[in-house]
Amino acid sequence: MNNATEVLLLLFLIITFLQSGFDKITDWNGNVSWLKEHFSKTPFKNSVPLLVGIILVTEVIAGLLCVIGIYQILSSGNTTFAMYGAVLSSITLLMLLFGQRVAKDYEGAKTIAVYFIPTILLVFLLQS
């Protein structure tokens, strides 16, 4: 398999984002409640539900693009949708990182950086 690394990284993003999206959908109130407290001393304090909705949409779309990307790689060798999924995943992680930094949750920001590294590696691999 010529694209094993790309497929494994896409699976990583699928698990990351579709599980996170599923969690937000199934426990919307719990997530919003926790995040309202998390962002209570930030300029985002009155926008939490909207921002969670935006993150939810980008996570689910990124995950689905990665699913389509795997299918496309395995069926035709084309990486177009994989690249779309990797780039949207990167953008989503940057939005999450920005939120953590604004909330002064530096440990949470470090965790997002751990997810960002393989995601950027995937973007790099798909550019080649």
N, C-alpha and C. Protein backbone atom coordinates (compact mmCIF):
# COMPACT_ATOMS: atom_id res chain seq x y z
N MET A 1 0.85 -1.18 0.00
CA MET A 1 0.00 0.00 0.00
C MET A 1 0.89 1.24 0.00
N ASN A 2 0.76 2.03 -1.03
CA ASN A 2 1.62 3.21 -1.18
C ASN A 2 1.23 4.37 -0.28
N ASN A 3 0.03 4.39 0.21
CA ASN A 3 -0.46 5.52 0.99
C ASN A 3 -0.82 5.14 2.42
N ALA A 4 -0.10 4.18 2.98
CA ALA A 4 -0.43 3.70 4.33
C ALA A 4 -0.36 4.82 5.37
N THR A 5 0.67 5.64 5.30
CA THR A 5 0.81 6.73 6.28
C THR A 5 -0.36 7.70 6.18
N GLU A 6 -0.71 8.08 4.97
CA GLU A 6 -1.81 9.01 4.77
C GLU A 6 -3.13 8.43 5.27
N VAL A 7 -3.37 7.15 4.97
CA VAL A 7 -4.62 6.51 5.40
C VAL A 7 -4.67 6.42 6.92
N LEU A 8 -3.58 6.06 7.56
CA LEU A 8 -3.56 5.98 9.02
C LEU A 8 -3.77 7.35 9.66
N LEU A 9 -3.16 8.38 9.10
CA LEU A 9 -3.38 9.73 9.64
C LEU A 9 -4.82 10.19 9.40
N LEU A 10 -5.39 9.85 8.27
CA LEU A 10 -6.80 10.17 8.03
C LEU A 10 -7.70 9.45 9.02
N LEU A 11 -7.40 8.18 9.33
CA LEU A 11 -8.16 7.45 10.34
C LEU A 11 -8.05 8.13 11.70
N PHE A 12 -6.86 8.62 12.03
CA PHE A 12 -6.65 9.37 13.28
C PHE A 12 -7.58 10.58 13.34
N LEU A 13 -7.67 11.32 12.23
CA LEU A 13 -8.53 12.51 12.20
C LEU A 13 -10.00 12.13 12.22
N ILE A 14 -10.36 11.05 11.55
CA ILE A 14 -11.75 10.59 11.57
C ILE A 14 -12.17 10.27 12.99
N ILE A 15 -11.35 9.50 13.69
CA ILE A 15 -11.67 9.15 15.07
C ILE A 15 -11.74 10.40 15.93
N THR A 16 -10.77 11.28 15.78
CA THR A 16 -10.72 12.51 16.58
C THR A 16 -11.96 13.36 16.38
N PHE A 17 -12.27 13.68 15.13
CA PHE A 17 -13.33 14.66 14.87
C PHE A 17 -14.73 14.09 14.87
N LEU A 18 -14.93 12.88 14.36
CA LEU A 18 -16.28 12.33 14.38
C LEU A 18 -16.69 11.96 15.81
N GLN A 19 -15.75 11.46 16.62
CA GLN A 19 -16.08 11.18 18.02
C GLN A 19 -16.39 12.48 18.76
N SER A 20 -15.59 13.51 18.52
CA SER A 20 -15.83 14.79 19.18
C SER A 20 -17.17 15.39 18.77
N GLY A 21 -17.46 15.30 17.48
CA GLY A 21 -18.76 15.79 17.00
C GLY A 21 -19.90 15.00 17.59
N PHE A 22 -19.76 13.68 17.64
CA PHE A 22 -20.79 12.83 18.23
C PHE A 22 -21.01 13.20 19.69
N ASP A 23 -19.92 13.45 20.42
CA ASP A 23 -20.03 13.84 21.82
C ASP A 23 -20.77 15.17 21.97
N LYS A 24 -20.47 16.11 21.10
CA LYS A 24 -21.16 17.41 21.17
C LYS A 24 -22.65 17.26 20.88
N ILE A 25 -22.99 16.40 19.93
CA ILE A 25 -24.40 16.19 19.56
C ILE A 25 -25.15 15.49 20.70
N THR A 26 -24.55 14.45 21.25
CA THR A 26 -25.25 13.66 22.28
C THR A 26 -25.25 14.31 23.65
N ASP A 27 -24.33 15.23 23.91
CA ASP A 27 -24.29 15.93 25.20
C ASP A 27 -24.11 17.42 24.97
N TRP A 28 -24.95 17.98 24.12
CA TRP A 28 -24.86 19.40 23.77
C TRP A 28 -24.90 20.26 25.03
N ASN A 29 -25.90 20.04 25.89
CA ASN A 29 -26.06 20.89 27.07
C ASN A 29 -24.87 20.78 28.01
N GLY A 30 -24.36 19.60 28.22
CA GLY A 30 -23.20 19.42 29.09
C GLY A 30 -21.96 20.12 28.54
N ASN A 31 -21.75 20.00 27.22
CA ASN A 31 -20.60 20.66 26.60
C ASN A 31 -20.72 22.17 26.69
N VAL A 32 -21.89 22.69 26.34
CA VAL A 32 -22.08 24.15 26.36
C VAL A 32 -21.96 24.68 27.78
N SER A 33 -22.53 23.98 28.73
CA SER A 33 -22.46 24.41 30.13
C SER A 33 -21.01 24.48 30.60
N TRP A 34 -20.24 23.42 30.33
CA TRP A 34 -18.84 23.40 30.74
C TRP A 34 -18.06 24.52 30.05
N LEU A 35 -18.31 24.70 28.76
CA LEU A 35 -17.55 25.72 28.01
C LEU A 35 -17.96 27.14 28.40
N LYS A 36 -19.22 27.35 28.80
CA LYS A 36 -19.62 28.68 29.29
C LYS A 36 -18.78 29.05 30.52
N GLU A 37 -18.58 28.09 31.39
CA GLU A 37 -17.74 28.33 32.58
C GLU A 37 -16.28 28.55 32.16
N HIS A 38 -15.82 27.72 31.22
CA HIS A 38 -14.43 27.78 30.75
C HIS A 38 -14.11 29.16 30.14
N PHE A 39 -15.09 29.73 29.45
CA PHE A 39 -14.88 31.01 28.76
C PHE A 39 -15.55 32.19 29.47
N SER A 40 -15.92 32.01 30.74
CA SER A 40 -16.68 33.04 31.46
C SER A 40 -15.94 34.36 31.62
N LYS A 41 -14.62 34.33 31.58
CA LYS A 41 -13.84 35.56 31.76
C LYS A 41 -13.16 35.98 30.46
N THR A 42 -13.78 35.64 29.34
CA THR A 42 -13.21 35.97 28.04
C THR A 42 -14.23 36.73 27.20
N PRO A 43 -13.80 37.31 26.11
CA PRO A 43 -14.75 37.98 25.21
C PRO A 43 -15.76 37.01 24.58
N PHE A 44 -15.51 35.70 24.65
CA PHE A 44 -16.39 34.69 24.06
C PHE A 44 -17.54 34.29 24.97
N LYS A 45 -17.61 34.84 26.19
CA LYS A 45 -18.56 34.36 27.19
C LYS A 45 -20.02 34.36 26.73
N ASN A 46 -20.40 35.28 25.86
CA ASN A 46 -21.79 35.35 25.40
C ASN A 46 -22.01 34.65 24.06
N SER A 47 -20.97 34.05 23.51
CA SER A 47 -21.06 33.43 22.18
C SER A 47 -20.81 31.93 22.21
N VAL A 48 -20.75 31.34 23.38
CA VAL A 48 -20.35 29.93 23.49
C VAL A 48 -21.22 28.99 22.65
N PRO A 49 -22.55 29.05 22.74
CA PRO A 49 -23.34 28.10 21.94
C PRO A 49 -23.08 28.24 20.43
N LEU A 50 -22.98 29.46 19.94
CA LEU A 50 -22.69 29.68 18.52
C LEU A 50 -21.33 29.11 18.16
N LEU A 51 -20.33 29.38 18.98
CA LEU A 51 -18.97 28.91 18.70
C LEU A 51 -18.88 27.39 18.77
N VAL A 52 -19.58 26.77 19.72
CA VAL A 52 -19.61 25.31 19.80
C VAL A 52 -20.27 24.75 18.54
N GLY A 53 -21.32 25.41 18.07
CA GLY A 53 -21.98 24.97 16.83
C GLY A 53 -21.04 25.05 15.64
N ILE A 54 -20.28 26.12 15.55
CA ILE A 54 -19.31 26.27 14.46
C ILE A 54 -18.26 25.17 14.53
N ILE A 55 -17.74 24.92 15.72
CA ILE A 55 -16.74 23.86 15.89
C ILE A 55 -17.35 22.50 15.54
N LEU A 56 -18.57 22.26 15.98
CA LEU A 56 -19.25 21.00 15.67
C LEU A 56 -19.34 20.78 14.16
N VAL A 57 -19.77 21.81 13.44
CA VAL A 57 -19.92 21.69 11.98
C VAL A 57 -18.56 21.43 11.33
N THR A 58 -17.53 22.17 11.73
CA THR A 58 -16.22 21.98 11.09
C THR A 58 -15.64 20.60 11.44
N GLU A 59 -15.86 20.13 12.66
CA GLU A 59 -15.36 18.80 13.02
C GLU A 59 -16.03 17.71 12.19
N VAL A 60 -17.34 17.78 12.08
CA VAL A 60 -18.07 16.75 11.33
C VAL A 60 -17.71 16.79 9.85
N ILE A 61 -17.65 17.98 9.28
CA ILE A 61 -17.28 18.08 7.86
C ILE A 61 -15.86 17.59 7.65
N ALA A 62 -14.93 17.96 8.53
CA ALA A 62 -13.54 17.50 8.41
C ALA A 62 -13.48 15.97 8.48
N GLY A 63 -14.18 15.40 9.45
CA GLY A 63 -14.20 13.94 9.58
C GLY A 63 -14.76 13.25 8.35
N LEU A 64 -15.87 13.79 7.82
CA LEU A 64 -16.48 13.19 6.62
C LEU A 64 -15.58 13.34 5.40
N LEU A 65 -14.92 14.48 5.26
CA LEU A 65 -13.97 14.65 4.15
C LEU A 65 -12.83 13.65 4.25
N CYS A 66 -12.40 13.36 5.47
CA CYS A 66 -11.34 12.36 5.65
C CYS A 66 -11.84 10.96 5.28
N VAL A 67 -13.10 10.65 5.61
CA VAL A 67 -13.68 9.36 5.21
C VAL A 67 -13.70 9.25 3.69
N ILE A 68 -14.20 10.30 3.03
CA ILE A 68 -14.23 10.31 1.57
C ILE A 68 -12.81 10.24 1.02
N GLY A 69 -11.88 10.93 1.69
CA GLY A 69 -10.49 10.91 1.27
C GLY A 69 -9.89 9.51 1.28
N ILE A 70 -10.18 8.75 2.33
CA ILE A 70 -9.68 7.36 2.37
C ILE A 70 -10.27 6.56 1.21
N TYR A 71 -11.56 6.69 1.03
CA TYR A 71 -12.21 5.97 -0.08
C TYR A 71 -11.55 6.34 -1.41
N GLN A 72 -11.36 7.63 -1.62
CA GLN A 72 -10.79 8.10 -2.88
C GLN A 72 -9.35 7.60 -3.06
N ILE A 73 -8.56 7.62 -2.01
CA ILE A 73 -7.18 7.12 -2.10
C ILE A 73 -7.18 5.64 -2.45
N LEU A 74 -8.01 4.87 -1.75
CA LEU A 74 -8.02 3.43 -1.96
C LEU A 74 -8.61 3.03 -3.31
N SER A 75 -9.57 3.82 -3.80
CA SER A 75 -10.23 3.45 -5.06
C SER A 75 -9.51 3.99 -6.29
N SER A 76 -8.91 5.18 -6.20
CA SER A 76 -8.33 5.77 -7.41
C SER A 76 -6.93 6.33 -7.21
N GLY A 77 -6.47 6.40 -5.96
CA GLY A 77 -5.17 7.00 -5.70
C GLY A 77 -5.21 8.52 -5.63
N ASN A 78 -6.37 9.10 -5.85
CA ASN A 78 -6.53 10.56 -5.81
C ASN A 78 -6.57 11.02 -4.35
N THR A 79 -5.96 12.16 -4.06
CA THR A 79 -5.88 12.66 -2.68
C THR A 79 -6.62 13.98 -2.46
N THR A 80 -7.46 14.37 -3.40
CA THR A 80 -8.12 15.67 -3.30
C THR A 80 -8.94 15.82 -2.03
N PHE A 81 -9.84 14.88 -1.75
CA PHE A 81 -10.69 15.00 -0.57
C PHE A 81 -9.90 14.79 0.72
N ALA A 82 -8.87 13.97 0.66
CA ALA A 82 -8.00 13.80 1.82
C ALA A 82 -7.36 15.14 2.18
N MET A 83 -6.91 15.86 1.16
CA MET A 83 -6.30 17.17 1.40
C MET A 83 -7.32 18.15 1.96
N TYR A 84 -8.53 18.16 1.41
CA TYR A 84 -9.58 19.04 1.97
C TYR A 84 -9.82 18.70 3.44
N GLY A 85 -9.89 17.41 3.76
CA GLY A 85 -10.11 16.99 5.14
C GLY A 85 -8.96 17.38 6.05
N ALA A 86 -7.74 17.22 5.57
CA ALA A 86 -6.56 17.57 6.38
C ALA A 86 -6.48 19.07 6.62
N VAL A 87 -6.76 19.86 5.60
CA VAL A 87 -6.70 21.32 5.76
C VAL A 87 -7.82 21.79 6.68
N LEU A 88 -9.05 21.28 6.50
CA LEU A 88 -10.13 21.70 7.40
C LEU A 88 -9.86 21.23 8.83
N SER A 89 -9.26 20.06 8.98
CA SER A 89 -8.88 19.60 10.32
C SER A 89 -7.87 20.56 10.94
N SER A 90 -6.91 21.01 10.16
CA SER A 90 -5.91 21.97 10.66
C SER A 90 -6.57 23.27 11.09
N ILE A 91 -7.47 23.76 10.27
CA ILE A 91 -8.18 25.01 10.60
C ILE A 91 -9.00 24.84 11.87
N THR A 92 -9.67 23.71 12.00
CA THR A 92 -10.47 23.42 13.19
C THR A 92 -9.58 23.40 14.43
N LEU A 93 -8.45 22.74 14.33
CA LEU A 93 -7.52 22.69 15.47
C LEU A 93 -6.98 24.08 15.81
N LEU A 94 -6.74 24.90 14.81
CA LEU A 94 -6.29 26.27 15.07
C LEU A 94 -7.38 27.08 15.78
N MET A 95 -8.64 26.87 15.41
CA MET A 95 -9.73 27.54 16.11
C MET A 95 -9.78 27.09 17.58
N LEU A 96 -9.63 25.78 17.79
CA LEU A 96 -9.63 25.27 19.16
C LEU A 96 -8.44 25.81 19.96
N LEU A 97 -7.28 25.85 19.32
CA LEU A 97 -6.08 26.38 19.98
C LEU A 97 -6.29 27.85 20.36
N PHE A 98 -6.85 28.63 19.45
CA PHE A 98 -7.11 30.04 19.73
C PHE A 98 -8.02 30.18 20.95
N GLY A 99 -9.07 29.37 21.00
CA GLY A 99 -9.98 29.42 22.14
C GLY A 99 -9.28 29.09 23.44
N GLN A 100 -8.45 28.06 23.43
CA GLN A 100 -7.74 27.67 24.64
C GLN A 100 -6.77 28.77 25.10
N ARG A 101 -6.12 29.39 24.15
CA ARG A 101 -5.19 30.48 24.50
C ARG A 101 -5.95 31.68 25.07
N VAL A 102 -7.08 32.02 24.46
CA VAL A 102 -7.89 33.14 24.97
C VAL A 102 -8.37 32.84 26.39
N ALA A 103 -8.74 31.59 26.64
CA ALA A 103 -9.21 31.19 27.97
C ALA A 103 -8.05 31.00 28.96
N LYS A 104 -6.83 31.19 28.47
CA LYS A 104 -5.62 31.01 29.28
C LYS A 104 -5.51 29.59 29.82
N ASP A 105 -6.01 28.64 29.03
CA ASP A 105 -5.88 27.21 29.36
C ASP A 105 -4.67 26.69 28.59
N TYR A 106 -3.51 26.92 29.13
CA TYR A 106 -2.27 26.59 28.43
C TYR A 106 -2.04 25.09 28.35
N GLU A 107 -2.50 24.34 29.33
CA GLU A 107 -2.39 22.88 29.26
C GLU A 107 -3.29 22.34 28.14
N GLY A 108 -4.50 22.88 28.03
CA GLY A 108 -5.40 22.49 26.95
C GLY A 108 -4.82 22.85 25.59
N ALA A 109 -4.16 24.00 25.51
CA ALA A 109 -3.52 24.42 24.27
C ALA A 109 -2.41 23.46 23.88
N LYS A 110 -1.65 22.98 24.87
CA LYS A 110 -0.59 22.00 24.59
C LYS A 110 -1.18 20.72 24.01
N THR A 111 -2.31 20.30 24.55
CA THR A 111 -2.96 19.09 24.04
C THR A 111 -3.35 19.25 22.58
N ILE A 112 -3.86 20.40 22.23
CA ILE A 112 -4.25 20.64 20.84
C ILE A 112 -3.03 20.64 19.94
N ALA A 113 -1.91 21.14 20.43
CA ALA A 113 -0.68 21.12 19.65
C ALA A 113 -0.27 19.68 19.32
N VAL A 114 -0.53 18.76 20.24
CA VAL A 114 -0.22 17.35 20.00
C VAL A 114 -1.04 16.82 18.82
N TYR A 115 -2.28 17.24 18.69
CA TYR A 115 -3.13 16.84 17.56
C TYR A 115 -2.72 17.55 16.27
N PHE A 116 -2.22 18.76 16.42
CA PHE A 116 -1.88 19.57 15.25
C PHE A 116 -0.67 18.99 14.50
N ILE A 117 0.28 18.44 15.22
CA ILE A 117 1.52 17.93 14.60
C ILE A 117 1.23 16.86 13.55
N PRO A 118 0.51 15.77 13.88
CA PRO A 118 0.25 14.78 12.83
C PRO A 118 -0.65 15.32 11.72
N THR A 119 -1.50 16.28 12.06
CA THR A 119 -2.39 16.85 11.04
C THR A 119 -1.58 17.64 10.02
N ILE A 120 -0.63 18.42 10.48
CA ILE A 120 0.23 19.18 9.55
C ILE A 120 1.13 18.23 8.77
N LEU A 121 1.58 17.16 9.41
CA LEU A 121 2.35 16.15 8.68
C LEU A 121 1.51 15.58 7.54
N LEU A 122 0.25 15.34 7.78
CA LEU A 122 -0.63 14.82 6.72
C LEU A 122 -0.77 15.83 5.59
N VAL A 123 -0.95 17.10 5.92
CA VAL A 123 -1.04 18.13 4.88
C VAL A 123 0.24 18.11 4.04
N PHE A 124 1.38 18.03 4.71
CA PHE A 124 2.67 17.99 4.02
C PHE A 124 2.76 16.78 3.09
N LEU A 125 2.39 15.62 3.59
CA LEU A 125 2.45 14.40 2.77
C LEU A 125 1.53 14.46 1.56
N LEU A 126 0.36 15.06 1.76
CA LEU A 126 -0.60 15.14 0.66
C LEU A 126 -0.22 16.19 -0.38
N GLN A 127 0.62 17.15 0.00
CA GLN A 127 1.09 18.16 -0.96
C GLN A 127 2.08 17.58 -1.95
N SER A 128 2.78 16.57 -1.51
CA SER A 128 3.86 16.00 -2.35
C SER A 128 3.33 15.24 -3.54
